[in-house]
Amino acid sequence: RLSDDIIEDLITNFNGPLVIDADGLYKL
């Protein structure tokens, strides 16, 4: 559950298809 900084970084900076699952969804 401490992965939210990674998820925010990916949403902002990765310009390809991004799949978010499991713990990555906790604070979506």
PDB file of all heavy atoms in Angstrom:
ATOM      1  N   ARG A   1       0.797  -1.220   0.000  1.00  0.00           N
ATOM      2  CA  ARG A   1       0.000   0.000   0.000  1.00  0.00           C
ATOM      3  C   ARG A   1       0.835   1.277   0.000  1.00  0.00           C
ATOM      4  O   ARG A   1       0.287   2.373  -0.040  1.00  0.00           O
ATOM      5  CB  ARG A   1      -0.922  -0.018   1.228  1.00  0.00           C
ATOM      6  CG  ARG A   1      -1.933  -1.160   1.194  1.00  0.00           C
ATOM      7  CD  ARG A   1      -3.008  -0.914   0.155  1.00  0.00           C
ATOM      8  NE  ARG A   1      -3.800  -2.097  -0.105  1.00  0.00           N
ATOM      9  CZ  ARG A   1      -4.794  -2.536   0.659  1.00  0.00           C
ATOM     10  NH1 ARG A   1      -5.072  -1.909   1.781  1.00  0.00           N
ATOM     11  NH2 ARG A   1      -5.488  -3.600   0.307  1.00  0.00           N
ATOM     12  N   LEU A   2       2.153   1.162   0.081  1.00  0.00           N
ATOM     13  CA  LEU A   2       3.006   2.348   0.111  1.00  0.00           C
ATOM     14  C   LEU A   2       3.553   2.695  -1.266  1.00  0.00           C
ATOM     15  O   LEU A   2       4.574   3.346  -1.399  1.00  0.00           O
ATOM     16  CB  LEU A   2       4.160   2.134   1.103  1.00  0.00           C
ATOM     17  CG  LEU A   2       3.747   1.854   2.540  1.00  0.00           C
ATOM     18  CD1 LEU A   2       4.980   1.588   3.407  1.00  0.00           C
ATOM     19  CD2 LEU A   2       2.940   3.007   3.120  1.00  0.00           C
ATOM     20  N   SER A   3       2.832   2.271  -2.301  1.00  0.00           N
ATOM     21  CA  SER A   3       3.336   2.411  -3.666  1.00  0.00           C
ATOM     22  C   SER A   3       2.773   3.609  -4.402  1.00  0.00           C
ATOM     23  O   SER A   3       3.012   3.765  -5.595  1.00  0.00           O
ATOM     24  CB  SER A   3       2.991   1.144  -4.455  1.00  0.00           C
ATOM     25  OG  SER A   3       1.581   0.971  -4.496  1.00  0.00           O
ATOM     26  N   ASP A   4       2.027   4.487  -3.725  1.00  0.00           N
ATOM     27  CA  ASP A   4       1.264   5.502  -4.445  1.00  0.00           C
ATOM     28  C   ASP A   4       2.141   6.509  -5.182  1.00  0.00           C
ATOM     29  O   ASP A   4       1.741   7.018  -6.236  1.00  0.00           O
ATOM     30  CB  ASP A   4       0.326   6.223  -3.479  1.00  0.00           C
ATOM     31  CG  ASP A   4      -0.762   6.971  -4.223  1.00  0.00           C
ATOM     32  OD1 ASP A   4      -1.452   6.333  -5.050  1.00  0.00           O
ATOM     33  OD2 ASP A   4      -0.912   8.182  -4.007  1.00  0.00           O
ATOM     34  N   ASP A   5       3.316   6.820  -4.671  1.00  0.00           N
ATOM     35  CA  ASP A   5       4.200   7.744  -5.385  1.00  0.00           C
ATOM     36  C   ASP A   5       4.590   7.172  -6.745  1.00  0.00           C
ATOM     37  O   ASP A   5       4.693   7.916  -7.735  1.00  0.00           O
ATOM     38  CB  ASP A   5       5.452   8.037  -4.564  1.00  0.00           C
ATOM     39  CG  ASP A   5       5.171   8.928  -3.359  1.00  0.00           C
ATOM     40  OD1 ASP A   5       4.081   9.521  -3.311  1.00  0.00           O
ATOM     41  OD2 ASP A   5       6.034   9.003  -2.470  1.00  0.00           O
ATOM     42  N   ILE A   6       4.809   5.872  -6.801  1.00  0.00           N
ATOM     43  CA  ILE A   6       5.140   5.224  -8.074  1.00  0.00           C
ATOM     44  C   ILE A   6       3.978   5.357  -9.041  1.00  0.00           C
ATOM     45  O   ILE A   6       4.158   5.679 -10.229  1.00  0.00           O
ATOM     46  CB  ILE A   6       5.480   3.740  -7.855  1.00  0.00           C
ATOM     47  CG1 ILE A   6       6.763   3.594  -7.040  1.00  0.00           C
ATOM     48  CG2 ILE A   6       5.596   2.995  -9.184  1.00  0.00           C
ATOM     49  CD1 ILE A   6       7.081   2.167  -6.647  1.00  0.00           C
ATOM     50  N   ILE A   7       2.753   5.113  -8.569  1.00  0.00           N
ATOM     51  CA  ILE A   7       1.578   5.187  -9.428  1.00  0.00           C
ATOM     52  C   ILE A   7       1.383   6.601  -9.958  1.00  0.00           C
ATOM     53  O   ILE A   7       1.119   6.809 -11.156  1.00  0.00           O
ATOM     54  CB  ILE A   7       0.322   4.721  -8.660  1.00  0.00           C
ATOM     55  CG1 ILE A   7       0.494   3.273  -8.192  1.00  0.00           C
ATOM     56  CG2 ILE A   7      -0.925   4.871  -9.519  1.00  0.00           C
ATOM     57  CD1 ILE A   7       0.794   2.272  -9.287  1.00  0.00           C
ATOM     58  N   GLU A   8       1.545   7.586  -9.093  1.00  0.00           N
ATOM     59  CA  GLU A   8       1.407   8.982  -9.532  1.00  0.00           C
ATOM     60  C   GLU A   8       2.448   9.331 -10.592  1.00  0.00           C
ATOM     61  O   GLU A   8       2.136   9.996 -11.595  1.00  0.00           O
ATOM     62  CB  GLU A   8       1.544   9.918  -8.333  1.00  0.00           C
ATOM     63  CG  GLU A   8       1.363  11.383  -8.680  1.00  0.00           C
ATOM     64  CD  GLU A   8       1.394  12.288  -7.461  1.00  0.00           C
ATOM     65  OE1 GLU A   8       1.264  11.770  -6.340  1.00  0.00           O
ATOM     66  OE2 GLU A   8       1.544  13.516  -7.645  1.00  0.00           O
ATOM     67  N   ASP A   9       3.668   8.871 -10.389  1.00  0.00           N
ATOM     68  CA  ASP A   9       4.749   9.120 -11.349  1.00  0.00           C
ATOM     69  C   ASP A   9       4.414   8.482 -12.700  1.00  0.00           C
ATOM     70  O   ASP A   9       4.584   9.102 -13.763  1.00  0.00           O
ATOM     71  CB  ASP A   9       6.052   8.540 -10.793  1.00  0.00           C
ATOM     72  CG  ASP A   9       7.282   9.035 -11.538  1.00  0.00           C
ATOM     73  OD1 ASP A   9       7.153   9.525 -12.669  1.00  0.00           O
ATOM     74  OD2 ASP A   9       8.390   8.900 -10.988  1.00  0.00           O
ATOM     75  N   LEU A  10       3.920   7.256 -12.681  1.00  0.00           N
ATOM     76  CA  LEU A  10       3.589   6.565 -13.931  1.00  0.00           C
ATOM     77  C   LEU A  10       2.455   7.260 -14.674  1.00  0.00           C
ATOM     78  O   LEU A  10       2.518   7.434 -15.907  1.00  0.00           O
ATOM     79  CB  LEU A  10       3.189   5.115 -13.633  1.00  0.00           C
ATOM     80  CG  LEU A  10       4.314   4.177 -13.211  1.00  0.00           C
ATOM     81  CD1 LEU A  10       3.735   2.866 -12.693  1.00  0.00           C
ATOM     82  CD2 LEU A  10       5.256   3.913 -14.379  1.00  0.00           C
ATOM     83  N   ILE A  11       1.411   7.621 -13.969  1.00  0.00           N
ATOM     84  CA  ILE A  11       0.279   8.289 -14.615  1.00  0.00           C
ATOM     85  C   ILE A  11       0.737   9.578 -15.288  1.00  0.00           C
ATOM     86  O   ILE A  11       0.317   9.909 -16.406  1.00  0.00           O
ATOM     87  CB  ILE A  11      -0.831   8.592 -13.576  1.00  0.00           C
ATOM     88  CG1 ILE A  11      -1.468   7.291 -13.089  1.00  0.00           C
ATOM     89  CG2 ILE A  11      -1.896   9.512 -14.172  1.00  0.00           C
ATOM     90  CD1 ILE A  11      -2.391   7.471 -11.900  1.00  0.00           C
ATOM     91  N   THR A  12       1.651  10.276 -14.643  1.00  0.00           N
ATOM     92  CA  THR A  12       2.105  11.573 -15.138  1.00  0.00           C
ATOM     93  C   THR A  12       3.133  11.449 -16.247  1.00  0.00           C
ATOM     94  O   THR A  12       3.092  12.207 -17.233  1.00  0.00           O
ATOM     95  CB  THR A  12       2.707  12.395 -13.983  1.00  0.00           C
ATOM     96  OG1 THR A  12       1.746  12.502 -12.930  1.00  0.00           O
ATOM     97  CG2 THR A  12       3.112  13.778 -14.451  1.00  0.00           C
ATOM     98  N   ASN A  13       4.068  10.489 -16.119  1.00  0.00           N
ATOM     99  CA  ASN A  13       5.268  10.519 -16.956  1.00  0.00           C
ATOM    100  C   ASN A  13       5.405   9.390 -17.970  1.00  0.00           C
ATOM    101  O   ASN A  13       6.243   9.499 -18.875  1.00  0.00           O
ATOM    102  CB  ASN A  13       6.511  10.522 -16.056  1.00  0.00           C
ATOM    103  CG  ASN A  13       6.592  11.770 -15.203  1.00  0.00           C
ATOM    104  OD1 ASN A  13       6.341  12.870 -15.675  1.00  0.00           O
ATOM    105  ND2 ASN A  13       6.923  11.606 -13.923  1.00  0.00           N
ATOM    106  N   PHE A  14       4.628   8.307 -17.859  1.00  0.00           N
ATOM    107  CA  PHE A  14       4.770   7.241 -18.845  1.00  0.00           C
ATOM    108  C   PHE A  14       3.779   7.464 -19.980  1.00  0.00           C
ATOM    109  O   PHE A  14       2.569   7.513 -19.768  1.00  0.00           O
ATOM    110  CB  PHE A  14       4.554   5.858 -18.226  1.00  0.00           C
ATOM    111  CG  PHE A  14       4.706   4.744 -19.222  1.00  0.00           C
ATOM    112  CD1 PHE A  14       5.893   4.590 -19.929  1.00  0.00           C
ATOM    113  CD2 PHE A  14       3.657   3.869 -19.480  1.00  0.00           C
ATOM    114  CE1 PHE A  14       6.034   3.584 -20.879  1.00  0.00           C
ATOM    115  CE2 PHE A  14       3.790   2.853 -20.409  1.00  0.00           C
ATOM    116  CZ  PHE A  14       4.982   2.716 -21.110  1.00  0.00           C
ATOM    117  N   ASN A  15       4.296   7.559 -21.196  1.00  0.00           N
ATOM    118  CA  ASN A  15       3.476   7.937 -22.341  1.00  0.00           C
ATOM    119  C   ASN A  15       3.018   6.758 -23.193  1.00  0.00           C
ATOM    120  O   ASN A  15       2.575   6.957 -24.333  1.00  0.00           O
ATOM    121  CB  ASN A  15       4.242   8.940 -23.222  1.00  0.00           C
ATOM    122  CG  ASN A  15       4.464  10.261 -22.512  1.00  0.00           C
ATOM    123  OD1 ASN A  15       3.570  10.759 -21.826  1.00  0.00           O
ATOM    124  ND2 ASN A  15       5.652  10.825 -22.662  1.00  0.00           N
ATOM    125  N   GLY A  16       3.110   5.559 -22.651  1.00  0.00           N
ATOM    126  CA  GLY A  16       2.589   4.388 -23.346  1.00  0.00           C
ATOM    127  C   GLY A  16       1.426   3.798 -22.575  1.00  0.00           C
ATOM    128  O   GLY A  16       1.027   4.314 -21.532  1.00  0.00           O
ATOM    129  N   PRO A  17       0.869   2.691 -23.080  1.00  0.00           N
ATOM    130  CA  PRO A  17      -0.221   2.032 -22.362  1.00  0.00           C
ATOM    131  C   PRO A  17       0.218   1.603 -20.964  1.00  0.00           C
ATOM    132  O   PRO A  17       1.270   0.988 -20.793  1.00  0.00           O
ATOM    133  CB  PRO A  17      -0.540   0.822 -23.241  1.00  0.00           C
ATOM    134  CG  PRO A  17      -0.062   1.200 -24.604  1.00  0.00           C
ATOM    135  CD  PRO A  17       1.152   2.041 -24.370  1.00  0.00           C
ATOM    136  N   LEU A  18      -0.601   1.916 -19.982  1.00  0.00           N
ATOM    137  CA  LEU A  18      -0.294   1.643 -18.578  1.00  0.00           C
ATOM    138  C   LEU A  18      -1.431   0.835 -17.967  1.00  0.00           C
ATOM    139  O   LEU A  18      -2.596   1.240 -18.033  1.00  0.00           O
ATOM    140  CB  LEU A  18      -0.122   2.964 -17.815  1.00  0.00           C
ATOM    141  CG  LEU A  18       0.028   2.893 -16.296  1.00  0.00           C
ATOM    142  CD1 LEU A  18       1.278   2.125 -15.909  1.00  0.00           C
ATOM    143  CD2 LEU A  18       0.049   4.306 -15.704  1.00  0.00           C
ATOM    144  N   VAL A  19      -1.087  -0.324 -17.386  1.00  0.00           N
ATOM    145  CA  VAL A  19      -2.054  -1.170 -16.697  1.00  0.00           C
ATOM    146  C   VAL A  19      -1.819  -1.040 -15.197  1.00  0.00           C
ATOM    147  O   VAL A  19      -0.702  -1.254 -14.719  1.00  0.00           O
ATOM    148  CB  VAL A  19      -1.907  -2.654 -17.116  1.00  0.00           C
ATOM    149  CG1 VAL A  19      -2.962  -3.514 -16.400  1.00  0.00           C
ATOM    150  CG2 VAL A  19      -2.021  -2.808 -18.630  1.00  0.00           C
ATOM    151  N   ILE A  20      -2.860  -0.675 -14.446  1.00  0.00           N
ATOM    152  CA  ILE A  20      -2.749  -0.568 -12.996  1.00  0.00           C
ATOM    153  C   ILE A  20      -3.672  -1.596 -12.359  1.00  0.00           C
ATOM    154  O   ILE A  20      -4.867  -1.663 -12.679  1.00  0.00           O
ATOM    155  CB  ILE A  20      -3.099   0.850 -12.498  1.00  0.00           C
ATOM    156  CG1 ILE A  20      -2.167   1.886 -13.136  1.00  0.00           C
ATOM    157  CG2 ILE A  20      -2.990   0.923 -10.975  1.00  0.00           C
ATOM    158  CD1 ILE A  20      -2.472   3.315 -12.715  1.00  0.00           C
ATOM    159  N   ASP A  21      -3.114  -2.375 -11.439  1.00  0.00           N
ATOM    160  CA  ASP A  21      -3.847  -3.477 -10.821  1.00  0.00           C
ATOM    161  C   ASP A  21      -3.541  -3.510  -9.324  1.00  0.00           C
ATOM    162  O   ASP A  21      -2.581  -2.885  -8.851  1.00  0.00           O
ATOM    163  CB  ASP A  21      -3.410  -4.794 -11.490  1.00  0.00           C
ATOM    164  CG  ASP A  21      -4.112  -6.013 -10.940  1.00  0.00           C
ATOM    165  OD1 ASP A  21      -5.297  -5.892 -10.552  1.00  0.00           O
ATOM    166  OD2 ASP A  21      -3.497  -7.090 -10.877  1.00  0.00           O
ATOM    167  N   ALA A  22      -4.346  -4.238  -8.597  1.00  0.00           N
ATOM    168  CA  ALA A  22      -4.063  -4.631  -7.211  1.00  0.00           C
ATOM    169  C   ALA A  22      -3.723  -3.431  -6.331  1.00  0.00           C
ATOM    170  O   ALA A  22      -4.488  -2.476  -6.269  1.00  0.00           O
ATOM    171  CB  ALA A  22      -2.952  -5.686  -7.208  1.00  0.00           C
ATOM    172  N   ASP A  23      -2.581  -3.481  -5.642  1.00  0.00           N
ATOM    173  CA  ASP A  23      -2.220  -2.407  -4.709  1.00  0.00           C
ATOM    174  C   ASP A  23      -2.075  -1.059  -5.398  1.00  0.00           C
ATOM    175  O   ASP A  23      -2.202  -0.014  -4.745  1.00  0.00           O
ATOM    176  CB  ASP A  23      -0.915  -2.756  -3.985  1.00  0.00           C
ATOM    177  CG  ASP A  23      -1.110  -3.883  -2.976  1.00  0.00           C
ATOM    178  OD1 ASP A  23      -2.156  -3.911  -2.319  1.00  0.00           O
ATOM    179  OD2 ASP A  23      -0.218  -4.737  -2.866  1.00  0.00           O
ATOM    180  N   GLY A  24      -1.823  -1.055  -6.684  1.00  0.00           N
ATOM    181  CA  GLY A  24      -1.741   0.203  -7.420  1.00  0.00           C
ATOM    182  C   GLY A  24      -3.057   0.954  -7.489  1.00  0.00           C
ATOM    183  O   GLY A  24      -3.081   2.155  -7.773  1.00  0.00           O
ATOM    184  N   LEU A  25      -4.160   0.249  -7.222  1.00  0.00           N
ATOM    185  CA  LEU A  25      -5.483   0.869  -7.294  1.00  0.00           C
ATOM    186  C   LEU A  25      -5.929   1.492  -5.982  1.00  0.00           C
ATOM    187  O   LEU A  25      -6.968   2.151  -5.935  1.00  0.00           O
ATOM    188  CB  LEU A  25      -6.522  -0.185  -7.714  1.00  0.00           C
ATOM    189  CG  LEU A  25      -6.333  -0.819  -9.086  1.00  0.00           C
ATOM    190  CD1 LEU A  25      -7.276  -2.005  -9.250  1.00  0.00           C
ATOM    191  CD2 LEU A  25      -6.564   0.213 -10.190  1.00  0.00           C
ATOM    192  N   TYR A  26      -5.177   1.275  -4.923  1.00  0.00           N
ATOM    193  CA  TYR A  26      -5.653   1.596  -3.583  1.00  0.00           C
ATOM    194  C   TYR A  26      -6.039   3.069  -3.429  1.00  0.00           C
ATOM    195  O   TYR A  26      -7.054   3.399  -2.810  1.00  0.00           O
ATOM    196  CB  TYR A  26      -4.594   1.212  -2.545  1.00  0.00           C
ATOM    197  CG  TYR A  26      -5.089   1.309  -1.125  1.00  0.00           C
ATOM    198  CD1 TYR A  26      -6.096   0.470  -0.662  1.00  0.00           C
ATOM    199  CD2 TYR A  26      -4.563   2.249  -0.248  1.00  0.00           C
ATOM    200  CE1 TYR A  26      -6.563   0.560   0.635  1.00  0.00           C
ATOM    201  CE2 TYR A  26      -5.017   2.346   1.052  1.00  0.00           C
ATOM    202  CZ  TYR A  26      -6.022   1.492   1.494  1.00  0.00           C
ATOM    203  OH  TYR A  26      -6.493   1.592   2.770  1.00  0.00           O
ATOM    204  N   LYS A  27      -5.251   3.986  -3.985  1.00  0.00           N
ATOM    205  CA  LYS A  27      -5.548   5.413  -3.875  1.00  0.00           C
ATOM    206  C   LYS A  27      -5.814   6.045  -5.238  1.00  0.00           C
ATOM    207  O   LYS A  27      -5.632   7.252  -5.422  1.00  0.00           O
ATOM    208  CB  LYS A  27      -4.383   6.145  -3.186  1.00  0.00           C
ATOM    209  CG  LYS A  27      -4.164   5.741  -1.744  1.00  0.00           C
ATOM    210  CD  LYS A  27      -3.047   6.561  -1.115  1.00  0.00           C
ATOM    211  CE  LYS A  27      -2.849   6.176   0.350  1.00  0.00           C
ATOM    212  NZ  LYS A  27      -1.741   6.956   0.967  1.00  0.00           N
ATOM    213  N   LEU A  28      -6.299   5.250  -6.176  1.00  0.00           N
ATOM    214  CA  LEU A  28      -6.459   5.744  -7.543  1.00  0.00           C
ATOM    215  C   LEU A  28      -7.394   6.947  -7.609  1.00  0.00           C
ATOM    216  O   LEU A  28      -7.162   7.883  -8.372  1.00  0.00           O
ATOM    217  CB  LEU A  28      -6.985   4.629  -8.448  1.00  0.00           C
ATOM    218  CG  LEU A  28      -6.903   4.947  -9.942  1.00  0.00           C
ATOM    219  CD1 LEU A  28      -5.470   4.804 -10.434  1.00  0.00           C
ATOM    220  CD2 LEU A  28      -7.826   4.033 -10.751  1.00  0.00           C
TER     221      LEU A  28
END
